[in-house]
Each structure stands twice: as structure tokens, then as C-alpha cells.
Amino acid sequence: MAQCFKCGGLLAERIYRNTLCESCGADAKVCLNCTFYEPGAHWDCRETIPEAVREKDRANFCDYFVASNRTVETKENDQSSARDAFSSLFGDE
């Protein structure tokens, strides 16, 4: 099941342009929740889209949208991981 890019909450099984995350209220049909989203690719998308989607975190009308099943790390988890990596490099002394 797909996770929200913003909070990591589970998204509805079927996602439409007006679907919102039940946990945080963020738009669900956004580039950041899409399987084809890839930073660095042409227009940050692995599909051959006809025009750029400028706001990757806002609902859009893209016909290629497929909800991503990748795990989302929330900001808190990301900070914790960075802290753990730092501690393993330099120790807790």
C-alpha cells in the first residue's frame, strides 16, 4: 500500500486528484507519491510526460500517476538515522 510523502501515513487504495492523506491532509495524487518520480530524470519523471509538473507536492492531472509502494522516511526518522550514522563514525564519547 502507498504511503504519504509528507507523513508516511497509508494512503487510500484508489487515489484520485482530490484524494487527501487521512493522517495529515496532504494531497495524495502528487509526483512525490508516484512510482515514476525520480529526481534528476527529465522533469523528475521516468515517464515521457508532455510538460513539466512544477509543484511536485500538489495535486495534478498527470495520466501516468501510479501510487508508489516505496517506504517513506519521515523527517524525524531521517534525523534519527543521521544521528545514528554520526555516532557510529565518531563514537558516543
C-alpha atoms as a PDB file:
ATOM      1  CA  MET A   1       0.000   0.000   0.000  1.00  0.00           C
ATOM      2  CA  ALA A   2       1.217   3.505  -0.803  1.00  0.00           C
ATOM      3  CA  GLN A   3       2.497   5.906   1.840  1.00  0.00           C
ATOM      4  CA  CYS A   4       2.150   9.672   2.036  1.00  0.00           C
ATOM      5  CA  PHE A   5       5.323  11.530   1.033  1.00  0.00           C
ATOM      6  CA  LYS A   6       4.774  14.035   3.850  1.00  0.00           C
ATOM      7  CA  CYS A   7       3.917  11.986   6.942  1.00  0.00           C
ATOM      8  CA  GLY A   8       4.391   8.360   5.923  1.00  0.00           C
ATOM      9  CA  GLY A   9       0.723   7.544   6.613  1.00  0.00           C
ATOM     10  CA  LEU A  10      -1.032   4.941   4.497  1.00  0.00           C
ATOM     11  CA  LEU A  11      -2.993   6.270   1.524  1.00  0.00           C
ATOM     12  CA  ALA A  12      -6.332   5.108   0.152  1.00  0.00           C
ATOM     13  CA  GLU A  13      -6.277   2.141  -2.205  1.00  0.00           C
ATOM     14  CA  ARG A  14      -7.673   4.239  -5.071  1.00  0.00           C
ATOM     15  CA  ILE A  15      -6.205   7.710  -5.473  1.00  0.00           C
ATOM     16  CA  TYR A  16      -7.944  10.487  -7.400  1.00  0.00           C
ATOM     17  CA  ARG A  17      -6.927  14.121  -7.943  1.00  0.00           C
ATOM     18  CA  ASN A  18      -8.917  15.251  -4.893  1.00  0.00           C
ATOM     19  CA  THR A  19      -7.785  12.403  -2.582  1.00  0.00           C
ATOM     20  CA  LEU A  20      -6.126  13.587   0.632  1.00  0.00           C
ATOM     21  CA  CYS A  21      -3.937  11.769   3.143  1.00  0.00           C
ATOM     22  CA  GLU A  22      -6.158  10.845   6.090  1.00  0.00           C
ATOM     23  CA  SER A  23      -3.290  11.425   8.533  1.00  0.00           C
ATOM     24  CA  CYS A  24      -2.018  14.868   7.543  1.00  0.00           C
ATOM     25  CA  GLY A  25      -4.382  16.222   4.870  1.00  0.00           C
ATOM     26  CA  ALA A  26      -1.725  16.472   2.139  1.00  0.00           C
ATOM     27  CA  ASP A  27      -2.704  15.918  -1.497  1.00  0.00           C
ATOM     28  CA  ALA A  28      -2.246  12.258  -2.463  1.00  0.00           C
ATOM     29  CA  LYS A  29      -2.060  12.397  -6.277  1.00  0.00           C
ATOM     30  CA  VAL A  30       1.289  14.178  -6.423  1.00  0.00           C
ATOM     31  CA  CYS A  31       4.602  13.462  -8.102  1.00  0.00           C
ATOM     32  CA  LEU A  32       6.255  12.734  -4.753  1.00  0.00           C
ATOM     33  CA  ASN A  33       3.859   9.775  -4.244  1.00  0.00           C
ATOM     34  CA  CYS A  34       4.325   8.391  -7.768  1.00  0.00           C
ATOM     35  CA  THR A  35       6.282   5.323  -8.846  1.00  0.00           C
ATOM     36  CA  PHE A  36       7.730   7.258 -11.781  1.00  0.00           C
ATOM     37  CA  TYR A  37       9.053  10.185  -9.718  1.00  0.00           C
ATOM     38  CA  GLU A  38      12.848  10.265  -9.932  1.00  0.00           C
ATOM     39  CA  PRO A  39      14.842  13.385  -9.083  1.00  0.00           C
ATOM     40  CA  GLY A  40      17.403  14.047 -11.776  1.00  0.00           C
ATOM     41  CA  ALA A  41      15.406  12.424 -14.574  1.00  0.00           C
ATOM     42  CA  HIS A  42      13.978  14.655 -17.303  1.00  0.00           C
ATOM     43  CA  TRP A  43      11.391  16.780 -15.467  1.00  0.00           C
ATOM     44  CA  ASP A  44      11.988  14.440 -12.473  1.00  0.00           C
ATOM     45  CA  CYS A  45       9.898  11.700 -14.109  1.00  0.00           C
ATOM     46  CA  ARG A  46      10.840   8.341 -15.657  1.00  0.00           C
ATOM     47  CA  GLU A  47       7.800   8.574 -17.972  1.00  0.00           C
ATOM     48  CA  THR A  48       7.838  10.672 -21.122  1.00  0.00           C
ATOM     49  CA  ILE A  49       5.464  13.365 -19.927  1.00  0.00           C
ATOM     50  CA  PRO A  50       4.405  16.113 -22.347  1.00  0.00           C
ATOM     51  CA  GLU A  51       5.112  19.007 -19.950  1.00  0.00           C
ATOM     52  CA  ALA A  52       6.803  19.612 -16.619  1.00  0.00           C
ATOM     53  CA  VAL A  53       4.832  19.441 -13.383  1.00  0.00           C
ATOM     54  CA  ARG A  54       6.235  22.369 -11.436  1.00  0.00           C
ATOM     55  CA  GLU A  55       4.767  21.717  -7.982  1.00  0.00           C
ATOM     56  CA  LYS A  56       5.702  18.124  -7.149  1.00  0.00           C
ATOM     57  CA  ASP A  57       3.829  18.220  -3.828  1.00  0.00           C
ATOM     58  CA  ARG A  58       0.481  19.498  -5.177  1.00  0.00           C
ATOM     59  CA  ALA A  59      -2.340  17.507  -6.785  1.00  0.00           C
ATOM     60  CA  ASN A  60      -2.104  17.309 -10.572  1.00  0.00           C
ATOM     61  CA  PHE A  61      -3.818  15.813 -13.618  1.00  0.00           C
ATOM     62  CA  CYS A  62      -0.982  13.502 -14.741  1.00  0.00           C
ATOM     63  CA  ASP A  63      -2.308  10.463 -16.630  1.00  0.00           C
ATOM     64  CA  TYR A  64       0.814   8.422 -15.801  1.00  0.00           C
ATOM     65  CA  PHE A  65       0.364   8.541 -12.000  1.00  0.00           C
ATOM     66  CA  VAL A  66       0.831   5.199 -10.233  1.00  0.00           C
ATOM     67  CA  ALA A  67       0.962   5.216  -6.431  1.00  0.00           C
ATOM     68  CA  SER A  68       4.402   4.250  -5.176  1.00  0.00           C
ATOM     69  CA  ASN A  69       4.897   1.424  -2.705  1.00  0.00           C
ATOM     70  CA  ARG A  70       8.318   2.631  -1.572  1.00  0.00           C
ATOM     71  CA  THR A  71       8.821   3.227   2.130  1.00  0.00           C
ATOM     72  CA  VAL A  72       8.832   6.861   3.172  1.00  0.00           C
ATOM     73  CA  GLU A  73      11.133   8.047   5.932  1.00  0.00           C
ATOM     74  CA  THR A  74       9.596  10.890   7.843  1.00  0.00           C
ATOM     75  CA  LYS A  75      11.759  13.839   8.864  1.00  0.00           C
ATOM     76  CA  GLU A  76      12.073  12.513  12.435  1.00  0.00           C
ATOM     77  CA  ASN A  77      13.255   9.098  11.211  1.00  0.00           C
ATOM     78  CA  ASP A  78      15.695  10.787   8.835  1.00  0.00           C
ATOM     79  CA  GLN A  79      17.206  12.895  11.644  1.00  0.00           C
ATOM     80  CA  SER A  80      17.471   9.833  13.879  1.00  0.00           C
ATOM     81  CA  SER A  81      19.229   7.873  11.119  1.00  0.00           C
ATOM     82  CA  ALA A  82      21.672  10.732  10.556  1.00  0.00           C
ATOM     83  CA  ARG A  83      22.385  10.949  14.291  1.00  0.00           C
ATOM     84  CA  ASP A  84      22.997   7.182  14.482  1.00  0.00           C
ATOM     85  CA  ALA A  85      25.352   7.294  11.484  1.00  0.00           C
ATOM     86  CA  PHE A  86      27.281  10.183  13.042  1.00  0.00           C
ATOM     87  CA  SER A  87      27.567   8.343  16.366  1.00  0.00           C
ATOM     88  CA  SER A  88      28.831   5.190  14.668  1.00  0.00           C
ATOM     89  CA  LEU A  89      31.536   7.191  12.898  1.00  0.00           C
ATOM     90  CA  PHE A  90      32.729   9.272  15.819  1.00  0.00           C
ATOM     91  CA  GLY A  91      31.511   7.320  18.826  1.00  0.00           C
ATOM     92  CA  ASP A  92      29.385   8.449  21.743  1.00  0.00           C
ATOM     93  CA  GLU A  93      32.329   9.699  23.777  1.00  0.00           C
END
